[in-house]
Amino acid sequence: MARAIVAIPAKYKEYLEEELTLVKTLYDIHDYFLVKKPNRQYYIPYTRLEELKNTDTYDVLVILDKLKPRYTINLYRELRKEIIDRVQLILKIFAEHAGSKEARLQIELARLKHELPLIREVIRHMKLGELPGFLGGGRYAVDKYYRMAKSRIARIMRELEKQRSLRSLRRAHRRKLGLPHVALVGYTCAGKTTLFNYFTNNMKPVGPEPFTTLSPKASAIEINGEKIVLVDTVGFIRDIPPEIIEAFYATLEEIIDSELIVLILDASRGLQNIIMELNESRKILSSIGVHGKPIIIAINKIDKIHTNDLHEIIDSVKKSVGEDTPVVPISALKGYNLDKLAEEMLTRVVKTIVK
């Protein structure tokens, strides 16, 4: 595993553990430091830059922010190390779990769109005789790669539009059969796929790594004689980059077109993180076009916390979402209280259909 030094913007200080967990998915963290205010030329402070120039204990510099091209170029010029920003990191993690053709195309699209501004800047510098060997080639090679990237983006977008149409047709077919859709959403590692597997008797991969699920999986289940379609979806993260939302829009439509949303929260994360993840999840749902849709809050992993802590979490979540939104404590792994969640799902779906 490659060794990384990590630069974390001060705005993420409260979420240090979450951000470092993302990095640990791919890299062995040798050291990390906070950046209070980005340096205009290098993003990181000049003193840190000098320290990094004089050590060889790392292979990659990971900066947990979206970098402007000039930062990447200037850092590479000084350090001659791989420079990874937060968007690239997330896409690399996605690539580790991309099991379907559609997921791989979505990741490639987001990566290419993110790279284009950097490649344009690299070409500009190469015309000035700078950056020899950057991106593994000379000016001609980089120029050629830029043209190929633009062409590839156009092809991927056409292919994803076909996939989007097919997905839409499948949803329409299920609806013709009278099957309402319930989408499981929430932060990555909250337990969505474990819950999906419990209800569907499926064996989708689960794990502690972020973004184990990238391709939505839909399966019909029966609750008290009524059939519904349960949909497992890609996990959320805080400050999800817009280019990733855009690239994965076809799969996020599974959420938009559902009759009901079950928002899953991880009780073991602590009250402050739970409320933050609740608010961030609602922001993400709003950003993709989910408005006025019924929601159930499922507080998962209650087997990992004390009863008194659970009561405090439930009270705080209810204050945030209001009395009209059901809040159901569960353990998807142990099977606790899932009959209650199933009843709430059926009740809300029936109310939606009647409306």
Protein backbone atom coordinates (compact mmCIF):
# COMPACT_ATOMS: atom_id res chain seq x y z
CA MET A 1 0.00 0.00 0.00
CA ALA A 2 1.40 3.39 -1.01
CA ARG A 3 2.39 5.81 1.75
CA ALA A 4 0.53 9.11 1.97
CA ILE A 5 0.90 12.44 3.68
CA VAL A 6 -2.48 14.12 4.02
CA ALA A 7 -3.35 17.83 4.04
CA ILE A 8 -6.76 18.55 5.55
CA PRO A 9 -8.50 21.93 5.25
CA ALA A 10 -9.48 23.43 8.60
CA LYS A 11 -13.17 23.32 7.60
CA TYR A 12 -13.00 19.52 8.00
CA LYS A 13 -11.38 19.60 11.45
CA GLU A 14 -14.61 18.41 13.11
CA TYR A 15 -14.80 15.49 10.68
CA LEU A 16 -11.16 14.44 10.88
CA GLU A 17 -11.90 10.75 11.50
CA GLU A 18 -14.32 10.54 8.58
CA GLU A 19 -11.88 12.20 6.17
CA LEU A 20 -8.92 10.08 7.26
CA THR A 21 -11.05 6.94 6.88
CA LEU A 22 -11.48 7.79 3.21
CA VAL A 23 -7.72 8.03 2.77
CA LYS A 24 -7.03 4.81 4.71
CA THR A 25 -9.17 2.93 2.21
CA LEU A 26 -6.36 3.29 -0.35
CA TYR A 27 -3.24 4.52 1.42
CA ASP A 28 -1.08 3.99 4.48
CA ILE A 29 -1.12 7.39 6.21
CA HIS A 30 2.40 8.39 7.21
CA ASP A 31 1.39 11.82 8.54
CA TYR A 32 -1.32 14.48 8.26
CA PHE A 33 -1.66 18.19 8.96
CA LEU A 34 -4.33 20.90 8.91
CA VAL A 35 -4.34 23.79 6.45
CA LYS A 36 -5.92 26.88 8.04
CA LYS A 37 -5.82 29.00 4.89
CA PRO A 38 -4.72 27.78 1.43
CA ASN A 39 -1.45 29.27 0.21
CA ARG A 40 -2.09 31.11 -3.08
CA GLN A 41 0.65 29.24 -4.90
CA TYR A 42 0.88 25.77 -3.34
CA TYR A 43 -2.29 25.39 -1.24
CA ILE A 44 -0.18 24.04 1.66
CA PRO A 45 2.00 26.43 3.74
CA TYR A 46 5.46 27.10 2.35
CA THR A 47 7.07 25.71 5.52
CA ARG A 48 5.25 22.41 4.96
CA LEU A 49 6.32 22.39 1.34
CA GLU A 50 9.96 22.68 2.37
CA GLU A 51 9.54 19.83 4.85
CA LEU A 52 7.98 17.61 2.17
CA LYS A 53 10.79 18.40 -0.26
CA ASN A 54 13.32 17.14 2.26
CA THR A 55 11.72 13.80 3.13
CA ASP A 56 11.17 10.62 1.18
CA THR A 57 8.83 8.89 3.62
CA TYR A 58 5.77 9.18 1.36
CA ASP A 59 4.66 8.34 -2.17
CA VAL A 60 1.53 10.46 -2.49
CA LEU A 61 0.39 13.85 -1.21
CA VAL A 62 -3.37 13.72 -0.61
CA ILE A 63 -5.12 17.07 -0.24
CA LEU A 64 -8.68 16.68 1.00
CA ASP A 65 -10.08 19.56 -1.00
CA LYS A 66 -10.92 20.18 -4.64
CA LEU A 67 -7.66 21.53 -6.05
CA LYS A 68 -7.34 24.20 -8.69
CA PRO A 69 -5.03 23.10 -11.54
CA ARG A 70 -2.32 25.57 -10.52
CA TYR A 71 -2.00 23.94 -7.09
CA THR A 72 -1.48 20.48 -8.59
CA ILE A 73 1.04 21.76 -11.14
CA ASN A 74 3.02 23.85 -8.66
CA LEU A 75 3.14 21.05 -6.10
CA TYR A 76 4.25 18.51 -8.69
CA ARG A 77 6.95 20.86 -9.95
CA GLU A 78 8.38 21.19 -6.43
CA LEU A 79 7.83 17.68 -5.04
CA ARG A 80 7.81 15.35 -8.07
CA LYS A 81 5.28 13.19 -6.23
CA GLU A 82 1.76 12.13 -7.13
CA ILE A 83 -0.76 14.78 -6.04
CA ILE A 84 -4.30 13.57 -5.28
CA ASP A 85 -7.22 15.83 -4.36
CA ARG A 86 -10.46 14.84 -2.63
CA VAL A 87 -12.40 14.30 -5.87
CA GLN A 88 -9.71 12.01 -7.28
CA LEU A 89 -9.53 10.11 -4.00
CA ILE A 90 -13.27 9.44 -3.97
CA LEU A 91 -13.20 8.33 -7.60
CA LYS A 92 -10.30 5.97 -6.90
CA ILE A 93 -12.29 4.42 -4.05
CA PHE A 94 -15.31 4.13 -6.34
CA ALA A 95 -13.15 2.35 -8.91
CA GLU A 96 -12.24 -0.29 -6.30
CA HIS A 97 -15.93 -1.25 -6.03
CA ALA A 98 -17.18 -0.71 -9.58
CA GLY A 99 -18.80 -4.04 -10.40
CA SER A 100 -20.98 -3.02 -13.33
CA LYS A 101 -20.25 -1.50 -16.72
CA GLU A 102 -22.49 1.46 -15.88
CA ALA A 103 -20.61 2.19 -12.65
CA ARG A 104 -17.25 2.03 -14.43
CA LEU A 105 -18.48 4.43 -17.11
CA GLN A 106 -19.84 6.85 -14.51
CA ILE A 107 -16.53 6.87 -12.66
CA GLU A 108 -14.56 7.38 -15.87
CA LEU A 109 -16.83 10.25 -16.90
CA ALA A 110 -16.40 12.03 -13.57
CA ARG A 111 -12.63 11.47 -13.65
CA LEU A 112 -12.21 12.81 -17.19
CA LYS A 113 -14.34 15.89 -16.50
CA HIS A 114 -12.32 16.57 -13.37
CA GLU A 115 -9.04 16.17 -15.29
CA LEU A 116 -9.83 18.43 -18.25
CA PRO A 117 -9.08 21.79 -16.56
CA LEU A 118 -5.79 20.37 -15.26
CA ILE A 119 -4.82 19.07 -18.71
CA ARG A 120 -5.60 22.46 -20.29
CA GLU A 121 -3.33 24.13 -17.75
CA VAL A 122 -0.59 21.54 -18.32
CA ILE A 123 -0.71 22.20 -22.08
CA ARG A 124 -0.39 25.94 -21.42
CA HIS A 125 2.69 25.38 -19.26
CA MET A 126 4.25 23.01 -21.78
CA LYS A 127 3.90 25.62 -24.51
CA LEU A 128 6.06 27.79 -22.28
CA GLY A 129 8.64 25.02 -22.04
CA GLU A 130 7.70 24.01 -18.49
CA LEU A 131 6.67 20.70 -16.86
CA PRO A 132 8.63 18.17 -18.92
CA GLY A 133 7.36 14.67 -18.25
CA PHE A 134 4.18 15.75 -16.46
CA LEU A 135 1.36 13.18 -16.90
CA GLY A 136 3.92 10.80 -18.38
CA GLY A 137 4.64 12.51 -21.69
CA GLY A 138 5.66 15.57 -23.66
CA ARG A 139 3.48 18.34 -25.03
CA TYR A 140 2.33 16.32 -28.05
CA ALA A 141 1.30 13.36 -25.89
CA VAL A 142 -0.62 15.55 -23.44
CA ASP A 143 -2.30 17.47 -26.28
CA LYS A 144 -3.35 14.18 -27.85
CA TYR A 145 -4.65 12.90 -24.51
CA TYR A 146 -6.76 16.05 -24.11
CA ARG A 147 -8.44 15.52 -27.50
CA MET A 148 -8.98 11.84 -26.74
CA ALA A 149 -10.48 12.69 -23.33
CA LYS A 150 -13.03 15.09 -24.85
CA SER A 151 -14.00 12.49 -27.44
CA ARG A 152 -14.25 9.80 -24.78
CA ILE A 153 -16.49 12.00 -22.61
CA ALA A 154 -18.93 12.40 -25.51
CA ARG A 155 -19.01 8.62 -26.09
CA ILE A 156 -19.53 7.83 -22.42
CA MET A 157 -22.38 10.34 -22.13
CA ARG A 158 -24.13 8.70 -25.08
CA GLU A 159 -23.69 5.24 -23.55
CA LEU A 160 -24.90 6.39 -20.12
CA GLU A 161 -27.98 7.93 -21.72
CA LYS A 162 -28.78 4.49 -23.15
CA GLN A 163 -28.28 2.93 -19.72
CA ARG A 164 -30.50 5.61 -18.20
CA SER A 165 -33.25 4.83 -20.70
CA LEU A 166 -33.00 1.10 -19.97
CA ARG A 167 -33.16 1.74 -16.23
CA SER A 168 -36.21 3.95 -16.75
CA LEU A 169 -37.91 1.22 -18.80
CA ARG A 170 -37.26 -1.35 -16.06
CA ARG A 171 -38.79 0.96 -13.45
CA ALA A 172 -41.81 1.56 -15.70
CA HIS A 173 -42.24 -2.21 -16.16
CA ARG A 174 -42.19 -2.80 -12.41
CA ARG A 175 -44.76 -0.06 -11.94
CA LYS A 176 -47.04 -1.64 -14.54
CA LEU A 177 -47.02 -4.66 -12.26
CA GLY A 178 -48.27 -2.35 -9.50
CA LEU A 179 -45.06 -2.47 -7.45
CA PRO A 180 -44.22 0.70 -5.47
CA HIS A 181 -40.54 1.49 -4.91
CA VAL A 182 -38.77 2.10 -1.59
CA ALA A 183 -35.22 3.49 -1.74
CA LEU A 184 -32.69 2.82 1.03
CA VAL A 185 -30.43 5.86 1.36
CA GLY A 186 -27.88 7.25 3.79
CA TYR A 187 -24.22 7.77 4.49
CA THR A 188 -21.72 5.21 3.30
CA CYS A 189 -21.24 2.34 5.81
CA ALA A 190 -24.57 3.12 7.55
CA GLY A 191 -25.83 -0.43 6.89
CA LYS A 192 -28.04 0.02 3.82
CA THR A 193 -26.87 -3.14 2.08
CA THR A 194 -27.09 -5.22 5.28
CA LEU A 195 -30.72 -4.10 5.60
CA PHE A 196 -31.35 -4.81 1.91
CA ASN A 197 -29.88 -8.31 2.29
CA TYR A 198 -32.06 -9.01 5.34
CA PHE A 199 -35.32 -8.12 3.60
CA THR A 200 -34.46 -9.72 0.25
CA ASN A 201 -32.46 -12.78 1.41
CA ASN A 202 -29.78 -11.49 -0.93
CA MET A 203 -26.02 -11.72 -0.48
CA LYS A 204 -24.82 -8.36 -1.80
CA PRO A 205 -21.28 -7.56 -0.62
CA VAL A 206 -21.04 -5.56 2.61
CA GLY A 207 -18.00 -4.23 4.41
CA PRO A 208 -16.48 -1.41 6.46
CA GLU A 209 -14.95 0.20 3.36
CA PRO A 210 -16.72 3.28 1.97
CA PHE A 211 -18.83 2.86 -1.18
CA THR A 212 -19.16 -0.95 -1.20
CA THR A 213 -22.38 -0.37 -3.18
CA LEU A 214 -22.12 1.68 -6.39
CA SER A 215 -24.71 0.10 -8.67
CA PRO A 216 -28.29 0.23 -7.34
CA LYS A 217 -29.87 -3.17 -6.81
CA ALA A 218 -33.66 -3.58 -6.88
CA SER A 219 -35.53 -6.59 -5.54
CA ALA A 220 -39.21 -7.31 -4.87
CA ILE A 221 -40.15 -8.21 -1.30
CA GLU A 222 -43.45 -9.09 0.36
CA ILE A 223 -44.78 -7.44 3.52
CA ASN A 224 -48.07 -8.77 4.92
CA GLY A 225 -49.05 -10.05 1.49
CA GLU A 226 -48.20 -6.78 -0.29
CA LYS A 227 -45.30 -6.60 -2.75
CA ILE A 228 -42.92 -3.64 -2.94
CA VAL A 229 -39.58 -3.09 -4.68
CA LEU A 230 -36.67 -2.35 -2.36
CA VAL A 231 -33.75 -0.42 -3.89
CA ASP A 232 -30.23 -0.32 -2.41
CA THR A 233 -28.34 2.83 -3.44
CA VAL A 234 -24.85 4.37 -3.42
CA GLY A 235 -23.79 5.84 -0.06
CA PHE A 236 -23.61 9.55 0.65
CA ILE A 237 -20.63 11.51 1.93
CA ARG A 238 -20.35 15.07 3.17
CA ASP A 239 -19.55 17.65 0.50
CA ILE A 240 -20.07 15.17 -2.32
CA PRO A 241 -18.45 16.75 -5.41
CA PRO A 242 -20.95 18.05 -8.02
CA GLU A 243 -19.21 16.16 -10.86
CA ILE A 244 -19.85 12.89 -9.04
CA ILE A 245 -23.54 13.71 -8.56
CA GLU A 246 -23.74 14.59 -12.26
CA ALA A 247 -22.00 11.39 -13.38
CA PHE A 248 -24.15 9.18 -11.13
CA TYR A 249 -27.42 10.96 -11.89
CA ALA A 250 -28.87 7.95 -13.74
CA THR A 251 -28.48 5.77 -10.67
CA LEU A 252 -29.64 8.53 -8.31
CA GLU A 253 -32.87 8.65 -10.32
CA GLU A 254 -33.78 5.42 -8.52
CA ILE A 255 -34.17 7.59 -5.41
CA ILE A 256 -36.00 10.40 -7.19
CA ASP A 257 -38.56 8.02 -8.71
CA SER A 258 -39.27 6.03 -5.54
CA GLU A 259 -42.53 6.36 -3.62
CA LEU A 260 -40.81 6.23 -0.24
CA ILE A 261 -37.31 6.85 1.15
CA VAL A 262 -35.82 5.06 4.14
CA LEU A 263 -32.94 7.21 5.42
CA ILE A 264 -30.56 5.05 7.46
CA LEU A 265 -28.39 6.55 10.21
CA ASP A 266 -25.56 4.80 12.07
CA ALA A 267 -26.28 5.02 15.82
CA SER A 268 -22.70 4.08 16.71
CA ARG A 269 -21.34 7.28 15.14
CA GLY A 270 -22.32 9.47 18.12
CA LEU A 271 -25.02 12.12 18.41
CA GLN A 272 -23.10 15.01 16.81
CA ASN A 273 -22.16 12.96 13.74
CA ILE A 274 -25.66 11.50 13.46
CA ILE A 275 -27.29 14.93 13.30
CA MET A 276 -24.63 16.15 10.86
CA GLU A 277 -25.18 13.12 8.61
CA LEU A 278 -28.95 13.53 8.84
CA ASN A 279 -28.72 17.17 7.74
CA GLU A 280 -26.17 16.43 5.00
CA SER A 281 -28.27 13.54 3.66
CA ARG A 282 -31.31 15.79 3.45
CA LYS A 283 -29.24 18.41 1.60
CA ILE A 284 -28.04 15.80 -0.90
CA LEU A 285 -31.59 14.54 -1.45
CA SER A 286 -32.71 18.10 -2.10
CA SER A 287 -29.79 18.72 -4.49
CA ILE A 288 -30.77 15.75 -6.69
CA GLY A 289 -34.40 16.86 -6.88
CA VAL A 290 -36.11 14.99 -4.03
CA HIS A 291 -38.83 17.24 -2.61
CA GLY A 292 -41.94 16.44 -0.59
CA LYS A 293 -41.37 12.69 -0.67
CA PRO A 294 -42.29 10.66 2.45
CA ILE A 295 -39.29 9.58 4.52
CA ILE A 296 -38.75 7.09 7.32
CA ILE A 297 -35.68 7.51 9.52
CA ALA A 298 -34.12 4.17 10.48
CA ILE A 299 -31.55 4.47 13.27
CA ASN A 300 -29.36 1.43 12.65
CA LYS A 301 -26.74 -0.44 14.74
CA ILE A 302 -28.60 0.10 18.04
CA ASP A 303 -26.96 -3.12 19.29
CA LYS A 304 -23.70 -1.13 19.52
CA ILE A 305 -24.89 1.61 21.92
CA HIS A 306 -26.35 2.03 25.42
CA THR A 307 -30.13 2.39 25.85
CA ASN A 308 -29.81 5.87 27.39
CA ASP A 309 -27.77 7.05 24.40
CA LEU A 310 -30.39 5.63 22.05
CA HIS A 311 -33.19 7.61 23.73
CA GLU A 312 -31.14 10.81 23.39
CA ILE A 313 -30.48 10.09 19.70
CA ILE A 314 -34.15 9.36 18.97
CA ASP A 315 -35.29 12.56 20.74
CA SER A 316 -32.72 14.69 18.86
CA VAL A 317 -33.56 13.17 15.48
CA LYS A 318 -37.30 13.66 16.08
CA LYS A 319 -36.67 17.33 16.89
CA SER A 320 -34.79 17.69 13.59
CA VAL A 321 -37.31 15.95 11.32
CA GLY A 322 -40.61 16.73 13.05
CA GLU A 323 -43.35 14.53 14.47
CA ASP A 324 -44.77 13.55 11.06
CA THR A 325 -41.63 11.60 10.12
CA PRO A 326 -41.39 8.12 11.70
CA VAL A 327 -38.14 7.35 13.52
CA VAL A 328 -37.51 3.62 13.92
CA PRO A 329 -34.53 2.20 15.89
CA ILE A 330 -33.20 -1.03 14.33
CA SER A 331 -30.28 -3.39 14.00
CA ALA A 332 -30.07 -4.71 10.45
CA LEU A 333 -27.29 -7.12 11.45
CA LYS A 334 -29.12 -8.60 14.46
CA GLY A 335 -32.63 -8.31 13.01
CA TYR A 336 -33.90 -6.10 15.87
CA ASN A 337 -37.18 -4.24 15.28
CA LEU A 338 -37.19 -4.86 11.52
CA ASP A 339 -40.82 -6.00 11.67
CA LYS A 340 -41.71 -2.51 12.93
CA LEU A 341 -39.72 -0.91 10.09
CA ALA A 342 -41.46 -3.17 7.55
CA GLU A 343 -44.88 -2.15 8.90
CA GLU A 344 -43.98 1.55 8.69
CA MET A 345 -42.72 1.07 5.11
CA LEU A 346 -45.96 -0.61 4.07
CA THR A 347 -48.14 1.98 5.84
CA ARG A 348 -46.33 4.91 4.20
CA VAL A 349 -46.33 3.31 0.76
CA VAL A 350 -50.08 2.64 0.94
CA LYS A 351 -50.72 6.26 2.01
CA THR A 352 -48.63 7.51 -0.92
CA ILE A 353 -50.48 5.34 -3.45
CA VAL A 354 -53.89 6.41 -2.08
CA LYS A 355 -52.88 10.07 -2.46
